[in-house]
Amino acid sequence: VSGFGTTSPGTAAPVFPTTSASPDTNQSWKVGSTGAAQGMMSKEQVWEKSNAVVVQGGSLRTCSFDESVERVQVILKSEGRPLNSNVELWQGPDNSPQKINVYLEDGGTRQFRAIIETPRASNAVCIRNTANMEFPLTACVDSDVEDSNGNANANPREMLKNCKSKVVQGGAVNTTPFPPSVSS
């Protein structure tokens, strides 16, 4: 198995070799860097430019990256089968991981895409396929993430100031409708 992703000139993402192991063991790969020059790339562009990694059911893959990376983009998909996984951000030895539980009925039609802020040092993204062995998923982690204006260094706190916030109490369910014209 080769390294994960590509590295564009001038990026600080190091090369971490992929270890060959059985599906039920932990495996690591390096973060991809697609070298996006203008605007945030579509899912298809990220898949084309990065070497995706297959995560078998019941296995765990981790992705470490350079301290200079401020945010990463995680995309998960399957071959039209259910996708059930956990995505975690590990920050140093004494920090509780941030965790996203992902369940998709059809991971081919509706792919999962998230942008995760990676402040401070010693960050790693963990992708755990919690489904059975029959349901592998394909994962892509990319470091070239830009906002909708093409600014790679956009401050998320400044962007949040322009948004209307809403408090959701523990145990509450909040749904937000989207018009049919919205695409992911």
Protein backbone atom coordinates (compact mmCIF):
# COMPACT_ATOMS: atom_id res chain seq x y z
CA VAL A 1 0.00 0.00 0.00
CA SER A 2 1.41 3.37 -0.96
CA GLY A 3 1.31 6.68 0.91
CA PHE A 4 -1.95 8.62 1.15
CA GLY A 5 -2.63 11.75 -0.90
CA THR A 6 -0.27 13.96 -2.81
CA THR A 7 1.89 16.79 -1.60
CA SER A 8 2.03 20.03 -3.52
CA PRO A 9 5.22 22.12 -3.56
CA GLY A 10 5.61 24.39 -0.55
CA THR A 11 3.21 22.54 1.76
CA ALA A 12 4.33 21.47 5.20
CA ALA A 13 2.51 18.13 5.29
CA PRO A 14 5.01 15.36 6.02
CA VAL A 15 4.98 11.95 4.40
CA PHE A 16 3.86 9.17 6.72
CA PRO A 17 4.23 5.70 5.23
CA THR A 18 1.25 3.40 5.33
CA THR A 19 1.76 0.21 7.24
CA SER A 20 0.54 -3.04 5.81
CA ALA A 21 -1.60 -4.88 8.34
CA SER A 22 -4.66 -7.07 8.62
CA PRO A 23 -8.06 -5.31 8.57
CA ASP A 24 -8.63 -5.68 12.31
CA THR A 25 -5.47 -3.79 13.33
CA ASN A 26 -4.76 -0.07 13.55
CA GLN A 27 -3.25 1.53 10.46
CA SER A 28 -1.92 5.03 9.77
CA TRP A 29 -1.51 7.16 6.68
CA LYS A 30 -0.52 10.74 5.89
CA VAL A 31 -2.89 13.59 5.25
CA GLY A 32 -3.43 14.46 1.61
CA SER A 33 -2.67 17.85 0.19
CA THR A 34 -4.36 18.47 -3.14
CA GLY A 35 -2.92 21.92 -3.75
CA ALA A 36 -6.21 23.70 -4.32
CA ALA A 37 -5.41 27.13 -5.69
CA GLN A 38 -8.86 28.67 -6.06
CA GLY A 39 -11.87 28.03 -3.82
CA MET A 40 -12.92 24.89 -2.04
CA MET A 41 -12.81 21.83 -4.26
CA SER A 42 -15.81 19.62 -4.88
CA LYS A 43 -15.96 16.11 -3.43
CA GLU A 44 -15.19 14.68 -6.86
CA GLN A 45 -12.07 16.84 -7.23
CA VAL A 46 -10.80 15.79 -3.80
CA TRP A 47 -11.37 12.09 -4.60
CA GLU A 48 -9.54 12.46 -7.93
CA LYS A 49 -6.49 14.24 -6.47
CA SER A 50 -6.07 12.20 -3.28
CA ASN A 51 -5.36 8.53 -2.81
CA ALA A 52 -8.35 7.32 -0.84
CA VAL A 53 -7.94 4.64 1.82
CA VAL A 54 -10.31 1.69 2.27
CA VAL A 55 -11.26 1.10 5.91
CA GLN A 56 -12.61 -2.41 6.38
CA GLY A 57 -15.47 -3.08 8.80
CA GLY A 58 -14.32 -3.23 12.42
CA SER A 59 -10.97 -1.54 11.74
CA LEU A 60 -9.37 1.77 12.66
CA ARG A 61 -7.21 4.12 10.57
CA THR A 62 -5.42 7.19 11.91
CA CYS A 63 -4.07 10.14 9.99
CA SER A 64 -1.43 12.47 11.46
CA PHE A 65 -0.36 15.76 9.95
CA ASP A 66 1.97 18.69 10.41
CA GLU A 67 1.36 21.25 13.17
CA SER A 68 0.97 24.02 10.59
CA VAL A 69 -2.24 22.47 9.21
CA GLU A 70 -5.13 24.53 10.63
CA ARG A 71 -8.03 22.43 9.33
CA VAL A 72 -8.64 19.22 7.45
CA GLN A 73 -11.45 17.98 5.28
CA VAL A 74 -12.74 14.43 5.88
CA ILE A 75 -14.83 12.68 3.24
CA LEU A 76 -16.33 9.21 3.69
CA LYS A 77 -18.20 7.11 1.15
CA SER A 78 -19.19 3.53 0.45
CA GLU A 79 -20.19 1.59 -2.64
CA GLY A 80 -23.92 2.20 -2.18
CA ARG A 81 -24.09 0.27 1.07
CA PRO A 82 -24.70 1.49 4.63
CA LEU A 83 -21.86 3.48 6.16
CA ASN A 84 -21.45 3.43 9.94
CA SER A 85 -18.33 5.01 11.44
CA ASN A 86 -16.80 7.27 14.06
CA VAL A 87 -14.56 10.20 13.14
CA GLU A 88 -12.43 11.50 16.01
CA LEU A 89 -9.96 14.35 16.43
CA TRP A 90 -7.18 13.46 18.84
CA GLN A 91 -5.28 16.46 20.25
CA GLY A 92 -2.29 15.57 22.39
CA PRO A 93 -2.05 13.04 25.20
CA ASP A 94 -4.23 14.78 27.82
CA ASN A 95 -7.15 15.97 25.68
CA SER A 96 -10.55 14.31 25.32
CA PRO A 97 -11.18 13.41 21.68
CA GLN A 98 -13.85 15.21 19.70
CA LYS A 99 -16.11 12.60 18.12
CA ILE A 100 -18.59 12.52 15.24
CA ASN A 101 -20.82 9.45 14.83
CA VAL A 102 -21.72 8.94 11.17
CA TYR A 103 -24.52 6.75 9.83
CA LEU A 104 -25.60 6.83 6.19
CA GLU A 105 -28.09 4.41 4.66
CA ASP A 106 -26.44 4.74 1.24
CA GLY A 107 -22.84 5.98 1.39
CA GLY A 108 -22.59 6.09 -2.40
CA THR A 109 -25.48 8.47 -2.97
CA ARG A 110 -24.98 10.61 0.14
CA GLN A 111 -21.32 10.94 1.07
CA PHE A 112 -20.21 12.37 4.42
CA ARG A 113 -18.08 15.52 4.33
CA ALA A 114 -16.80 17.52 7.31
CA ILE A 115 -14.22 20.21 7.86
CA ILE A 116 -12.45 19.83 11.20
CA GLU A 117 -10.42 22.60 12.82
CA THR A 118 -7.06 21.33 14.10
CA PRO A 119 -5.71 23.97 16.49
CA ARG A 120 -2.53 23.51 18.48
CA ALA A 121 -0.03 20.69 18.04
CA SER A 122 -0.08 16.88 18.01
CA ASN A 123 -3.32 16.41 16.08
CA ALA A 124 -4.53 13.20 14.48
CA VAL A 125 -7.81 12.21 12.84
CA CYS A 126 -9.08 8.72 13.61
CA ILE A 127 -11.60 6.96 11.37
CA ARG A 128 -13.15 3.83 12.85
CA ASN A 129 -15.48 1.72 10.70
CA THR A 130 -18.01 0.42 13.25
CA ALA A 131 -19.89 -1.65 10.67
CA ASN A 132 -19.41 -5.36 9.97
CA MET A 133 -16.63 -6.65 7.72
CA GLU A 134 -19.11 -6.78 4.80
CA PHE A 135 -19.43 -2.97 4.80
CA PRO A 136 -16.07 -1.32 4.01
CA LEU A 137 -15.86 2.44 3.57
CA THR A 138 -13.51 4.68 1.64
CA ALA A 139 -11.93 7.63 3.47
CA CYS A 140 -10.12 10.73 2.28
CA VAL A 141 -8.44 13.31 4.54
CA ASP A 142 -7.25 16.48 2.82
CA SER A 143 -5.39 19.47 4.26
CA ASP A 144 -6.14 22.02 1.52
CA VAL A 145 -9.38 23.46 2.87
CA GLU A 146 -10.54 26.93 1.94
CA ASP A 147 -13.69 28.88 2.67
CA SER A 148 -16.25 29.74 -0.02
CA ASN A 149 -14.26 32.89 -0.91
CA GLY A 150 -11.09 30.90 -1.60
CA ASN A 151 -9.36 32.06 1.59
CA ALA A 152 -7.29 29.23 3.06
CA ASN A 153 -6.56 31.21 6.23
CA ALA A 154 -10.11 32.22 7.11
CA ASN A 155 -10.62 32.55 10.86
CA PRO A 156 -13.57 30.35 11.86
CA ARG A 157 -14.40 32.59 14.84
CA GLU A 158 -14.78 35.57 12.50
CA MET A 159 -16.96 33.51 10.17
CA LEU A 160 -19.19 32.48 13.11
CA LYS A 161 -19.80 36.13 14.05
CA ASN A 162 -21.82 36.47 10.84
CA CYS A 163 -24.02 33.46 11.67
CA LYS A 164 -27.18 33.34 13.74
CA SER A 165 -26.64 30.98 16.66
CA LYS A 166 -29.19 28.69 18.31
CA VAL A 167 -28.89 26.90 21.65
CA VAL A 168 -29.83 23.22 21.50
CA GLN A 169 -30.31 21.71 24.96
CA GLY A 170 -29.04 18.22 25.78
CA GLY A 171 -31.39 15.52 24.52
CA ALA A 172 -33.20 17.94 22.19
CA VAL A 173 -33.58 17.35 18.47
CA ASN A 174 -33.13 20.23 16.05
CA THR A 175 -33.89 19.83 12.35
CA THR A 176 -33.12 22.35 9.65
CA PRO A 177 -34.93 22.05 6.32
CA PHE A 178 -33.03 22.71 3.10
CA PRO A 179 -34.64 23.60 -0.22
CA PRO A 180 -34.36 20.96 -2.99
CA SER A 181 -31.92 23.19 -4.89
CA VAL A 182 -29.19 22.76 -2.21
CA SER A 183 -26.46 20.30 -3.18
CA SER A 184 -23.73 18.98 -0.91
